[in-house]
């Protein structure tokens, strides 16, 4: 039940209004959590890529030290 019009209910918070606000808060929370999950997934990919690069650099350094 949408209660976007408070006419006649000035100063009164109805149970329906409380439920509507809680549902909206829940939707907003899910949006935030979804964005965080996407950012974490991207961060994990970046970390994996960086670890791979660091491993290559360490391997190249070992090869250069062995050749010297």
C-alpha atoms as a PDB file:
ATOM      1  CA  UNK A   1       0.000   0.000   0.000  1.00  0.00           C
ATOM      2  CA  UNK A   2       1.594   3.257  -1.147  1.00  0.00           C
ATOM      3  CA  UNK A   3       1.023   6.168   1.214  1.00  0.00           C
ATOM      4  CA  UNK A   4       2.770   8.973  -0.610  1.00  0.00           C
ATOM      5  CA  UNK A   5       0.029  11.422   0.365  1.00  0.00           C
ATOM      6  CA  UNK A   6       0.043  12.272   4.063  1.00  0.00           C
ATOM      7  CA  UNK A   7      -2.952  14.575   3.767  1.00  0.00           C
ATOM      8  CA  UNK A   8      -5.155  13.911   6.767  1.00  0.00           C
ATOM      9  CA  UNK A   9      -2.323  12.145   8.590  1.00  0.00           C
ATOM     10  CA  UNK A  10      -0.230  15.156   9.472  1.00  0.00           C
ATOM     11  CA  UNK A  11       1.946  14.314  12.470  1.00  0.00           C
ATOM     12  CA  UNK A  12       0.787  10.721  12.558  1.00  0.00           C
ATOM     13  CA  UNK A  13       3.088   7.910  11.489  1.00  0.00           C
ATOM     14  CA  UNK A  14       0.958   4.978  10.473  1.00  0.00           C
ATOM     15  CA  UNK A  15       2.029   1.354  10.593  1.00  0.00           C
ATOM     16  CA  UNK A  16       1.688   1.256   6.812  1.00  0.00           C
ATOM     17  CA  UNK A  17       4.095   4.189   6.490  1.00  0.00           C
ATOM     18  CA  UNK A  18       6.597   2.478   8.806  1.00  0.00           C
ATOM     19  CA  UNK A  19       6.388  -0.743   6.773  1.00  0.00           C
ATOM     20  CA  UNK A  20       6.764   1.203   3.517  1.00  0.00           C
ATOM     21  CA  UNK A  21       9.863   2.983   4.851  1.00  0.00           C
ATOM     22  CA  UNK A  22      11.378  -0.300   6.059  1.00  0.00           C
ATOM     23  CA  UNK A  23      10.786  -1.899   2.665  1.00  0.00           C
ATOM     24  CA  UNK A  24      12.453   1.062   0.941  1.00  0.00           C
ATOM     25  CA  UNK A  25      15.392   0.858   3.361  1.00  0.00           C
ATOM     26  CA  UNK A  26      15.687  -2.855   2.618  1.00  0.00           C
ATOM     27  CA  UNK A  27      15.784  -2.181  -1.150  1.00  0.00           C
ATOM     28  CA  UNK A  28      18.471   0.457  -0.652  1.00  0.00           C
ATOM     29  CA  UNK A  29      20.502  -1.889   1.533  1.00  0.00           C
ATOM     30  CA  UNK A  30      20.359  -4.603  -1.134  1.00  0.00           C
ATOM     31  CA  UNK A  31      21.587  -2.093  -3.732  1.00  0.00           C
ATOM     32  CA  UNK A  32      24.545  -1.149  -1.541  1.00  0.00           C
ATOM     33  CA  UNK A  33      25.409  -4.787  -0.824  1.00  0.00           C
ATOM     34  CA  UNK A  34      25.213  -5.616  -4.538  1.00  0.00           C
ATOM     35  CA  UNK A  35      27.594  -2.776  -5.402  1.00  0.00           C
ATOM     36  CA  UNK A  36      29.995  -3.876  -2.667  1.00  0.00           C
ATOM     37  CA  UNK A  37      29.952  -7.465  -3.924  1.00  0.00           C
ATOM     38  CA  UNK A  38      30.782  -6.251  -7.443  1.00  0.00           C
ATOM     39  CA  UNK A  39      33.621  -4.075  -6.153  1.00  0.00           C
ATOM     40  CA  UNK A  40      35.025  -6.940  -4.079  1.00  0.00           C
ATOM     41  CA  UNK A  41      34.932  -9.250  -7.109  1.00  0.00           C
ATOM     42  CA  UNK A  42      36.776  -6.635  -9.186  1.00  0.00           C
ATOM     43  CA  UNK A  43      39.294  -6.112  -6.382  1.00  0.00           C
ATOM     44  CA  UNK A  44      39.929  -9.868  -6.177  1.00  0.00           C
ATOM     45  CA  UNK A  45      40.607  -9.968  -9.931  1.00  0.00           C
ATOM     46  CA  UNK A  46      43.034  -7.051  -9.661  1.00  0.00           C
ATOM     47  CA  UNK A  47      44.834  -8.684  -6.732  1.00  0.00           C
ATOM     48  CA  UNK A  48      45.144 -11.956  -8.642  1.00  0.00           C
ATOM     49  CA  UNK A  49      46.543 -10.106 -11.644  1.00  0.00           C
ATOM     50  CA  UNK A  50      49.046  -8.234  -9.499  1.00  0.00           C
ATOM     51  CA  UNK A  51      50.127 -11.437  -7.768  1.00  0.00           C
ATOM     52  CA  UNK A  52      50.699 -13.012 -11.176  1.00  0.00           C
ATOM     53  CA  UNK A  53      52.836 -10.025 -12.264  1.00  0.00           C
ATOM     54  CA  UNK A  54      54.831 -10.106  -9.027  1.00  0.00           C
ATOM     55  CA  UNK A  55      55.440 -13.824  -9.529  1.00  0.00           C
ATOM     56  CA  UNK A  56      56.728 -13.181 -13.037  1.00  0.00           C
ATOM     57  CA  UNK A  57      59.008 -10.410 -11.816  1.00  0.00           C
ATOM     58  CA  UNK A  58      60.415 -12.656  -9.084  1.00  0.00           C
ATOM     59  CA  UNK A  59      60.966 -15.456 -11.603  1.00  0.00           C
ATOM     60  CA  UNK A  60      62.692 -13.084 -14.041  1.00  0.00           C
ATOM     61  CA  UNK A  61      64.892 -11.776 -11.234  1.00  0.00           C
ATOM     62  CA  UNK A  62      65.894 -15.342 -10.292  1.00  0.00           C
ATOM     63  CA  UNK A  63      66.779 -16.091 -13.904  1.00  0.00           C
ATOM     64  CA  UNK A  64      68.918 -12.956 -14.154  1.00  0.00           C
ATOM     65  CA  UNK A  65      70.736 -13.839 -10.909  1.00  0.00           C
ATOM     66  CA  UNK A  66      71.446 -17.362 -12.168  1.00  0.00           C
ATOM     67  CA  UNK A  67      72.859 -16.065 -15.437  1.00  0.00           C
ATOM     68  CA  UNK A  68      75.236 -13.648 -13.722  1.00  0.00           C
END
